[in-house]
Structure formats: structure tokens, C-alpha cells
Protein backbone atom coordinates (compact mmCIF):
# COMPACT_ATOMS: atom_id res chain seq x y z
CA UNK A 1 27.97 1.04 3.02
CA UNK A 2 24.88 -0.77 4.97
CA UNK A 3 22.66 -2.68 2.36
CA UNK A 4 19.07 -0.69 3.63
CA UNK A 5 15.50 -1.86 1.75
CA UNK A 6 13.21 0.79 1.66
CA UNK A 7 9.43 -0.17 0.96
CA UNK A 8 7.05 2.79 -0.49
CA UNK A 9 3.76 2.15 -0.21
CA UNK A 10 0.70 4.30 -2.16
CA UNK A 11 -1.45 3.90 0.94
CA UNK A 12 -4.79 5.15 -0.85
CA UNK A 13 -4.54 2.63 -3.09
CA UNK A 14 -3.88 -0.36 -1.37
CA UNK A 15 -6.61 1.15 1.51
CA UNK A 16 -9.37 1.11 -1.55
CA UNK A 17 -7.72 -2.56 -2.57
CA UNK A 18 -8.38 -4.00 0.60
CA UNK A 19 -11.31 -2.48 0.82
CA UNK A 20 -12.40 -4.13 -1.94
CA UNK A 21 -11.54 -7.68 -0.55
CA UNK A 22 -12.38 -7.61 2.82
CA UNK A 23 -15.65 -5.43 2.79
CA UNK A 24 -17.16 -2.97 5.86
CA UNK A 25 -17.06 -4.50 8.76
CA UNK A 26 -13.50 -5.90 8.32
CA UNK A 27 -9.93 -4.58 7.90
CA UNK A 28 -6.03 -5.71 6.30
CA UNK A 29 -4.48 -5.93 9.24
CA UNK A 30 -1.49 -3.91 8.03
CA UNK A 31 1.36 -5.57 10.92
CA UNK A 32 0.35 -8.92 9.99
CA UNK A 33 0.68 -8.59 6.70
CA UNK A 34 4.29 -7.09 6.64
CA UNK A 35 5.31 -9.61 9.03
CA UNK A 36 4.22 -12.84 6.58
CA UNK A 37 5.60 -10.06 3.33
CA UNK A 38 8.87 -9.94 4.78
CA UNK A 39 9.36 -14.11 5.12
CA UNK A 40 7.84 -14.78 1.78
CA UNK A 41 10.42 -12.54 0.42
CA UNK A 42 12.87 -13.05 2.42
CA UNK A 43 13.93 -9.25 3.09
CA UNK A 44 13.66 -7.03 6.04
CA UNK A 45 12.28 -3.71 5.59
CA UNK A 46 15.19 -0.68 7.54
CA UNK A 47 12.15 1.97 6.63
CA UNK A 48 8.36 1.40 5.73
CA UNK A 49 7.16 5.27 4.09
CA UNK A 50 3.29 5.37 3.85
CA UNK A 51 1.79 7.98 1.86
CA UNK A 52 -2.08 8.29 1.79
CA UNK A 53 -4.79 11.06 2.94
CA UNK A 54 -8.05 10.44 4.79
CA UNK A 55 -11.12 10.50 2.46
CA UNK A 56 -13.34 13.82 3.89
CA UNK A 57 -16.74 13.87 5.67
CA UNK A 58 -19.79 14.98 4.84
CA UNK A 59 -22.04 17.16 6.53
CA UNK A 60 -24.88 14.59 6.88
CA UNK A 61 -22.86 11.46 6.27
CA UNK A 62 -25.18 8.66 5.27
CA UNK A 63 -24.92 4.92 6.80
CA UNK A 64 -22.74 3.28 4.46
CA UNK A 65 -20.67 6.70 4.64
CA UNK A 66 -19.82 6.01 8.16
CA UNK A 67 -19.14 2.15 8.07
CA UNK A 68 -16.66 3.48 4.98
CA UNK A 69 -15.15 5.87 7.10
CA UNK A 70 -14.81 4.16 10.37
CA UNK A 71 -13.14 1.66 8.13
CA UNK A 72 -10.79 3.59 6.93
CA UNK A 73 -9.62 4.98 10.14
CA UNK A 74 -9.40 1.48 11.56
CA UNK A 75 -7.19 0.73 9.38
CA UNK A 76 -5.00 3.64 9.26
CA UNK A 77 -5.09 3.21 13.01
CA UNK A 78 -3.30 0.17 12.55
CA UNK A 79 -0.63 1.30 9.63
CA UNK A 80 0.65 4.34 12.25
CA UNK A 81 1.37 1.32 15.08
CA UNK A 82 3.75 -0.33 12.75
CA UNK A 83 7.22 -0.38 13.66
CA UNK A 84 10.23 1.47 11.62
CA UNK A 85 7.26 3.60 9.79
CA UNK A 86 6.52 6.85 8.26
CA UNK A 87 2.88 8.46 7.99
CA UNK A 88 3.39 10.82 5.08
CA UNK A 89 -0.58 12.47 5.15
CA UNK A 90 -1.91 14.38 2.13
CA UNK A 91 -4.70 16.53 1.96
CA UNK A 92 -8.13 16.35 -0.45
CA UNK A 93 -9.36 19.04 -2.51
CA UNK A 94 -12.00 20.92 -0.91
CA UNK A 95 -13.66 21.37 -4.55
CA UNK A 96 -12.86 17.94 -5.72
CA UNK A 97 -12.09 16.00 -2.97
CA UNK A 98 -9.15 15.16 -4.78
CA UNK A 99 -6.05 14.27 -3.07
CA UNK A 100 -3.07 16.35 -3.16
CA UNK A 101 -0.02 16.09 -2.66
CA UNK A 102 0.53 12.13 -2.17
CA UNK A 103 1.51 10.66 -5.47
CA UNK A 104 4.16 13.77 -6.00
CA UNK A 105 5.55 13.33 -2.37
CA UNK A 106 6.09 9.21 -2.94
CA UNK A 107 7.52 9.82 -6.47
CA UNK A 108 10.25 12.60 -5.08
CA UNK A 109 10.82 10.32 -2.38
CA UNK A 110 12.04 7.70 -4.16
CA UNK A 111 14.17 8.98 -6.62
CA UNK A 112 15.78 11.36 -3.70
CA UNK A 113 16.87 8.94 -1.40
CA UNK A 114 17.85 6.56 -4.33
CA UNK A 115 20.25 9.76 -5.49
CA UNK A 116 21.38 10.22 -1.41
CA UNK A 117 22.06 6.39 -1.38
CA UNK A 118 19.93 5.84 2.03
CA UNK A 119 18.30 2.15 0.14
CA UNK A 120 19.94 -0.66 -1.94
CA UNK A 121 16.84 -2.44 -2.31
CA UNK A 122 13.75 -0.89 -2.79
CA UNK A 123 10.01 -2.47 -2.82
CA UNK A 124 7.15 -0.19 -4.34
CA UNK A 125 3.64 -1.35 -2.94
CA UNK A 126 1.05 -0.04 -5.51
CA UNK A 127 -1.24 -0.92 -8.05
CA UNK A 128 -0.83 2.41 -9.98
CA UNK A 129 1.34 2.78 -13.24
CA UNK A 130 1.67 6.54 -12.19
CA UNK A 131 4.74 5.70 -9.89
CA UNK A 132 6.28 3.80 -12.49
CA UNK A 133 8.56 7.14 -14.19
CA UNK A 134 9.70 7.44 -10.62
CA UNK A 135 11.18 3.91 -10.30
CA UNK A 136 12.44 4.60 -14.24
CA UNK A 137 14.39 7.22 -13.07
CA UNK A 138 16.38 5.44 -11.00
CA UNK A 139 16.92 1.64 -12.84
CA UNK A 140 20.39 3.09 -13.51
CA UNK A 141 22.05 2.77 -10.04
CA UNK A 142 22.82 0.61 -7.97
CA UNK A 143 19.40 -0.53 -7.08
CA UNK A 144 17.63 -3.70 -6.71
CA UNK A 145 13.37 -2.17 -7.74
CA UNK A 146 10.56 -4.81 -7.29
CA UNK A 147 7.09 -4.00 -6.77
CA UNK A 148 4.14 -5.80 -4.55
CA UNK A 149 0.91 -5.52 -5.65
CA UNK A 150 -2.52 -6.63 -4.08
CA UNK A 151 -4.76 -9.37 -6.38
CA UNK A 152 -7.53 -6.79 -7.66
CA UNK A 153 -4.72 -3.58 -8.58
CA UNK A 154 -2.15 -5.05 -10.49
CA UNK A 155 0.78 -2.51 -11.50
CA UNK A 156 0.92 -4.87 -15.41
CA UNK A 157 2.88 -2.53 -17.36
CA UNK A 158 5.50 -2.92 -14.66
CA UNK A 159 5.84 -6.42 -14.71
CA UNK A 160 6.80 -6.13 -17.92
CA UNK A 161 10.29 -4.57 -16.22
CA UNK A 162 10.68 -4.83 -12.59
CA UNK A 163 9.84 -8.25 -10.14
CA UNK A 164 6.60 -8.29 -9.02
CA UNK A 165 5.34 -9.73 -6.24
CA UNK A 166 1.18 -10.24 -6.49
CA UNK A 167 -0.58 -11.22 -3.02
CA UNK A 168 -3.27 -13.50 -3.72
CA UNK A 169 -5.30 -13.88 -0.60
CA UNK A 170 -6.59 -17.92 -0.36
CA UNK A 171 -8.68 -19.27 -1.13
CA UNK A 172 -9.30 -16.41 -2.99
CA UNK A 173 -9.17 -17.59 -6.66
CA UNK A 174 -6.44 -15.10 -8.52
CA UNK A 175 -8.39 -12.89 -11.49
CA UNK A 176 -5.43 -12.23 -14.05
CA UNK A 177 -3.79 -13.75 -16.99
CA UNK A 178 0.04 -13.78 -16.26
CA UNK A 179 1.81 -13.48 -19.55
CA UNK A 180 4.87 -15.42 -20.03
CA UNK A 181 7.43 -11.92 -20.84
CA UNK A 182 6.00 -10.62 -17.05
CA UNK A 183 8.04 -10.86 -14.23
CA UNK A 184 5.78 -11.43 -11.23
CA UNK A 185 5.73 -13.86 -8.82
CA UNK A 186 2.50 -15.02 -6.89
CA UNK A 187 2.47 -14.60 -2.67
CA UNK A 188 -0.06 -16.27 -1.26
CA UNK A 189 -1.28 -15.46 2.33
CA UNK A 190 -4.17 -16.81 4.23
CA UNK A 191 -7.26 -13.99 4.35
CA UNK A 192 -7.85 -15.59 7.86
CA UNK A 193 -4.83 -14.83 9.60
CA UNK A 194 -4.37 -10.82 8.02
CA UNK A 195 -7.93 -9.75 8.67
CA UNK A 196 -9.90 -7.75 11.29
CA UNK A 197 -12.96 -7.39 12.33
CA UNK A 198 -14.06 -3.92 13.47
CA UNK A 199 -15.93 -3.63 16.85
CA UNK A 200 -19.27 -2.28 16.70
CA UNK A 201 -18.75 -0.03 19.16
CA UNK A 202 -15.75 1.81 17.50
CA UNK A 203 -16.11 4.98 16.49
CA UNK A 204 -14.00 6.77 13.35
CA UNK A 205 -10.81 8.03 15.89
CA UNK A 206 -10.54 11.26 16.43
CA UNK A 207 -13.36 12.65 13.47
CA UNK A 208 -16.47 10.89 13.78
CA UNK A 209 -18.67 9.74 16.32
């Protein structure tokens, strides 16, 4: 059996995290981030599964909303161009605007692929504790379970149970307190190397001019 490593990403959570760090005019270069991440953890991701949904567009979005949508579209476009990546797009409720299908699909795939023996090592990139039950459901299997978080959305509860890598964008100062019982490793990543600027004339591809 081939020793395969899978990376499952809560894309909506990652997008929100990077937006808080980089702001509306810049976005995280996902492809470059994955390249650096693989080198730092010493693993190659054989397959990447990315789960997300696009934000709903208002009939008359203001300037702030347009900047957010433009940033989101460019970030996801960059993600989709990544090698060995499968992008699952959920949808938003027309009444509440809440994301649908994404969390369930991610959790089901983690468990399903584990029992199908498709991977022997898993990395979950998310700061959402809702996915912990999926990891707990497979922890009795001969699988190496790991978590990756961005510095402003750390899955604290999971870090007591599973190896957790926290990405810290320098020169930012890490703003979290680490308990000795937590299995946390800090991964320093140069902010300048993983930042892309949105062109002034950029539009929202296929969504909003």
C-alpha cells in the first residue's frame, strides 16, 4: 500500500482568516503557501481537498462589499490553479445567507476516505472545532492525524489531542498563549513571500464587474 498524505481544508475558514490578516487589497498566495508548508512539515500532499462557498452578492453592493467579493474571487481563483487539488463548492442559503453542505461534506470525506484506506496521514487545515468529531472517529485507525491552523483561528481543543501546526506570519507577533499540554508547533512564514496584491482594474471573475 502506498503511503499517501491527504490535506483537507476548510476553505471558508481559511479565507476569513487570511482576509483579517492581509486586508481587502491583498490576499494569501495559496499555491506558494502550500509549497512552503510542505517544506516546513517535511511532507508532500498527494491530494488536497478544498471545501468552500462564495459569499452571496447583494443587488446593490457598496464599495466595501465589492472589495470583499473581489478579494474572495481572486483568492479562490488562485486556489483552483493549485496542482492535485479538488475544489468542492457548497452554496449559501437564499434566506439566511449561511453556508450549506460544506462542513458535512468535509467531515464525511475525512471519515469515508480513512475507512477506504485512501490515505495513511491526514492534515486538517481549519480552526473550527466542529471537525474534531471526524478526527476522533478515525483516531483508532492506523493513521497519522495532524492539524494546521492560521495564527488567528487556532483549533485549541484539538491541539490537546492531535499534533497541531500553527502558521505564524512574521513579522507579526504570535498573539496566542500556549499550554504545555498542547501539541503545538509554530511554523514561521514570511508574510511578504505569500502575499499577492489585487490589481486595481481586477474584476470578480464570472460574478461581478
